[in-house]
Amino acid sequence: MTDLSVLVFTGVILALIAIYAVRLRVVPMPSLAAAR
């Protein structure tokens, strides 16, 4: 149980970090293009 809980916890954290990184990469691009 503990191993499964740890794997799920780490999986959720990695997923949140991945989504956050994707948003940071996707959002600034149009803003820079619009600025230019």
PDB file of N, CA and C in Angstrom:
ATOM      1  N   MET A   1       0.842  -1.210   0.000  1.00  0.00           N
ATOM      2  CA  MET A   1       0.000   0.000   0.000  1.00  0.00           C
ATOM      3  C   MET A   1       0.871   1.251   0.000  1.00  0.00           C
ATOM      4  N   THR A   2       1.874   1.255   0.863  1.00  0.00           N
ATOM      5  CA  THR A   2       2.728   2.449   0.960  1.00  0.00           C
ATOM      6  C   THR A   2       3.447   2.698  -0.368  1.00  0.00           C
ATOM      7  N   ASP A   3       3.948   1.620  -0.987  1.00  0.00           N
ATOM      8  CA  ASP A   3       4.653   1.781  -2.265  1.00  0.00           C
ATOM      9  C   ASP A   3       3.713   2.351  -3.323  1.00  0.00           C
ATOM     10  N   LEU A   4       2.498   1.820  -3.386  1.00  0.00           N
ATOM     11  CA  LEU A   4       1.530   2.309  -4.385  1.00  0.00           C
ATOM     12  C   LEU A   4       1.200   3.770  -4.118  1.00  0.00           C
ATOM     13  N   SER A   5       1.018   4.123  -2.850  1.00  0.00           N
ATOM     14  CA  SER A   5       0.672   5.515  -2.521  1.00  0.00           C
ATOM     15  C   SER A   5       1.809   6.448  -2.923  1.00  0.00           C
ATOM     16  N   VAL A   6       3.043   6.015  -2.697  1.00  0.00           N
ATOM     17  CA  VAL A   6       4.201   6.847  -3.060  1.00  0.00           C
ATOM     18  C   VAL A   6       4.279   7.016  -4.573  1.00  0.00           C
ATOM     19  N   LEU A   7       4.056   5.930  -5.304  1.00  0.00           N
ATOM     20  CA  LEU A   7       4.108   6.006  -6.773  1.00  0.00           C
ATOM     21  C   LEU A   7       3.028   6.941  -7.293  1.00  0.00           C
ATOM     22  N   VAL A   8       1.824   6.838  -6.740  1.00  0.00           N
ATOM     23  CA  VAL A   8       0.722   7.707  -7.180  1.00  0.00           C
ATOM     24  C   VAL A   8       1.043   9.154  -6.832  1.00  0.00           C
ATOM     25  N   PHE A   9       1.578   9.391  -5.630  1.00  0.00           N
ATOM     26  CA  PHE A   9       1.900  10.755  -5.200  1.00  0.00           C
ATOM     27  C   PHE A   9       2.947  11.373  -6.122  1.00  0.00           C
ATOM     28  N   THR A  10       4.008  10.638  -6.406  1.00  0.00           N
ATOM     29  CA  THR A  10       5.059  11.155  -7.293  1.00  0.00           C
ATOM     30  C   THR A  10       4.519  11.356  -8.706  1.00  0.00           C
ATOM     31  N   GLY A  11       3.643  10.453  -9.149  1.00  0.00           N
ATOM     32  CA  GLY A  11       3.056  10.574 -10.491  1.00  0.00           C
ATOM     33  C   GLY A  11       2.240  11.844 -10.615  1.00  0.00           C
ATOM     34  N   VAL A  12       1.441  12.139  -9.582  1.00  0.00           N
ATOM     35  CA  VAL A  12       0.607  13.349  -9.609  1.00  0.00           C
ATOM     36  C   VAL A  12       1.489  14.591  -9.624  1.00  0.00           C
ATOM     37  N   ILE A  13       2.544  14.600  -8.809  1.00  0.00           N
ATOM     38  CA  ILE A  13       3.444  15.764  -8.753  1.00  0.00           C
ATOM     39  C   ILE A  13       4.111  15.974 -10.117  1.00  0.00           C
ATOM     40  N   LEU A  14       4.606  14.894 -10.719  1.00  0.00           N
ATOM     41  CA  LEU A  14       5.251  15.009 -12.032  1.00  0.00           C
ATOM     42  C   LEU A  14       4.258  15.511 -13.071  1.00  0.00           C
ATOM     43  N   ALA A  15       3.011  15.045 -12.987  1.00  0.00           N
ATOM     44  CA  ALA A  15       1.986  15.480 -13.947  1.00  0.00           C
ATOM     45  C   ALA A  15       1.728  16.975 -13.787  1.00  0.00           C
ATOM     46  N   LEU A  16       1.601  17.442 -12.540  1.00  0.00           N
ATOM     47  CA  LEU A  16       1.345  18.870 -12.297  1.00  0.00           C
ATOM     48  C   LEU A  16       2.515  19.706 -12.806  1.00  0.00           C
ATOM     49  N   ILE A  17       3.737  19.251 -12.550  1.00  0.00           N
ATOM     50  CA  ILE A  17       4.921  19.991 -13.007  1.00  0.00           C
ATOM     51  C   ILE A  17       4.955  20.040 -14.536  1.00  0.00           C
ATOM     52  N   ALA A  18       4.619  18.921 -15.182  1.00  0.00           N
ATOM     53  CA  ALA A  18       4.628  18.870 -16.648  1.00  0.00           C
ATOM     54  C   ALA A  18       3.596  19.839 -17.221  1.00  0.00           C
ATOM     55  N   ILE A  19       2.382  19.829 -16.651  1.00  0.00           N
ATOM     56  CA  ILE A  19       1.325  20.735 -17.135  1.00  0.00           C
ATOM     57  C   ILE A  19       1.745  22.187 -16.920  1.00  0.00           C
ATOM     58  N   TYR A  20       2.333  22.479 -15.742  1.00  0.00           N
ATOM     59  CA  TYR A  20       2.765  23.849 -15.445  1.00  0.00           C
ATOM     60  C   TYR A  20       3.850  24.290 -16.426  1.00  0.00           C
ATOM     61  N   ALA A  21       4.794  23.402 -16.724  1.00  0.00           N
ATOM     62  CA  ALA A  21       5.877  23.737 -17.661  1.00  0.00           C
ATOM     63  C   ALA A  21       5.311  23.977 -19.056  1.00  0.00           C
ATOM     64  N   VAL A  22       4.356  23.137 -19.470  1.00  0.00           N
ATOM     65  CA  VAL A  22       3.759  23.298 -20.806  1.00  0.00           C
ATOM     66  C   VAL A  22       3.046  24.638 -20.898  1.00  0.00           C
ATOM     67  N   ARG A  23       2.323  25.006 -19.844  1.00  0.00           N
ATOM     68  CA  ARG A  23       1.613  26.295 -19.860  1.00  0.00           C
ATOM     69  C   ARG A  23       2.617  27.440 -19.949  1.00  0.00           C
ATOM     70  N   LEU A  24       3.728  27.351 -19.203  1.00  0.00           N
ATOM     71  CA  LEU A  24       4.728  28.420 -19.236  1.00  0.00           C
ATOM     72  C   LEU A  24       5.326  28.523 -20.640  1.00  0.00           C
ATOM     73  N   ARG A  25       5.507  27.374 -21.305  1.00  0.00           N
ATOM     74  CA  ARG A  25       6.094  27.402 -22.652  1.00  0.00           C
ATOM     75  C   ARG A  25       5.091  27.923 -23.672  1.00  0.00           C
ATOM     76  N   VAL A  26       3.818  27.557 -23.516  1.00  0.00           N
ATOM     77  CA  VAL A  26       2.806  27.926 -24.517  1.00  0.00           C
ATOM     78  C   VAL A  26       2.376  29.377 -24.354  1.00  0.00           C
ATOM     79  N   VAL A  27       2.217  29.848 -23.122  1.00  0.00           N
ATOM     80  CA  VAL A  27       1.688  31.198 -22.892  1.00  0.00           C
ATOM     81  C   VAL A  27       2.634  32.302 -23.371  1.00  0.00           C
ATOM     82  N   PRO A  28       3.929  32.293 -22.990  1.00  0.00           N
ATOM     83  CA  PRO A  28       4.813  33.415 -23.349  1.00  0.00           C
ATOM     84  C   PRO A  28       5.047  33.533 -24.860  1.00  0.00           C
ATOM     85  N   MET A  29       4.930  32.459 -25.612  1.00  0.00           N
ATOM     86  CA  MET A  29       5.216  32.508 -27.047  1.00  0.00           C
ATOM     87  C   MET A  29       4.334  33.517 -27.784  1.00  0.00           C
ATOM     88  N   PRO A  30       2.997  33.440 -27.686  1.00  0.00           N
ATOM     89  CA  PRO A  30       2.138  34.406 -28.388  1.00  0.00           C
ATOM     90  C   PRO A  30       2.383  35.836 -27.906  1.00  0.00           C
ATOM     91  N   SER A  31       2.668  36.006 -26.614  1.00  0.00           N
ATOM     92  CA  SER A  31       2.881  37.355 -26.076  1.00  0.00           C
ATOM     93  C   SER A  31       4.131  37.972 -26.718  1.00  0.00           C
ATOM     94  N   LEU A  32       5.194  37.180 -26.844  1.00  0.00           N
ATOM     95  CA  LEU A  32       6.421  37.690 -27.468  1.00  0.00           C
ATOM     96  C   LEU A  32       6.175  37.979 -28.944  1.00  0.00           C
ATOM     97  N   ALA A  33       5.420  37.131 -29.609  1.00  0.00           N
ATOM     98  CA  ALA A  33       5.125  37.337 -31.028  1.00  0.00           C
ATOM     99  C   ALA A  33       4.290  38.604 -31.201  1.00  0.00           C
ATOM    100  N   ALA A  34       3.330  38.815 -30.306  1.00  0.00           N
ATOM    101  CA  ALA A  34       2.472  40.003 -30.396  1.00  0.00           C
ATOM    102  C   ALA A  34       3.299  41.255 -30.103  1.00  0.00           C
ATOM    103  N   ALA A  35       4.250  41.141 -29.162  1.00  0.00           N
ATOM    104  CA  ALA A  35       5.078  42.298 -28.811  1.00  0.00           C
ATOM    105  C   ALA A  35       5.898  42.717 -30.031  1.00  0.00           C
ATOM    106  N   ARG A  36       6.406  41.734 -30.781  1.00  0.00           N
ATOM    107  CA  ARG A  36       7.202  42.053 -31.963  1.00  0.00           C
ATOM    108  C   ARG A  36       6.288  42.472 -33.110  1.00  0.00           C
TER     109      ARG A  36
END
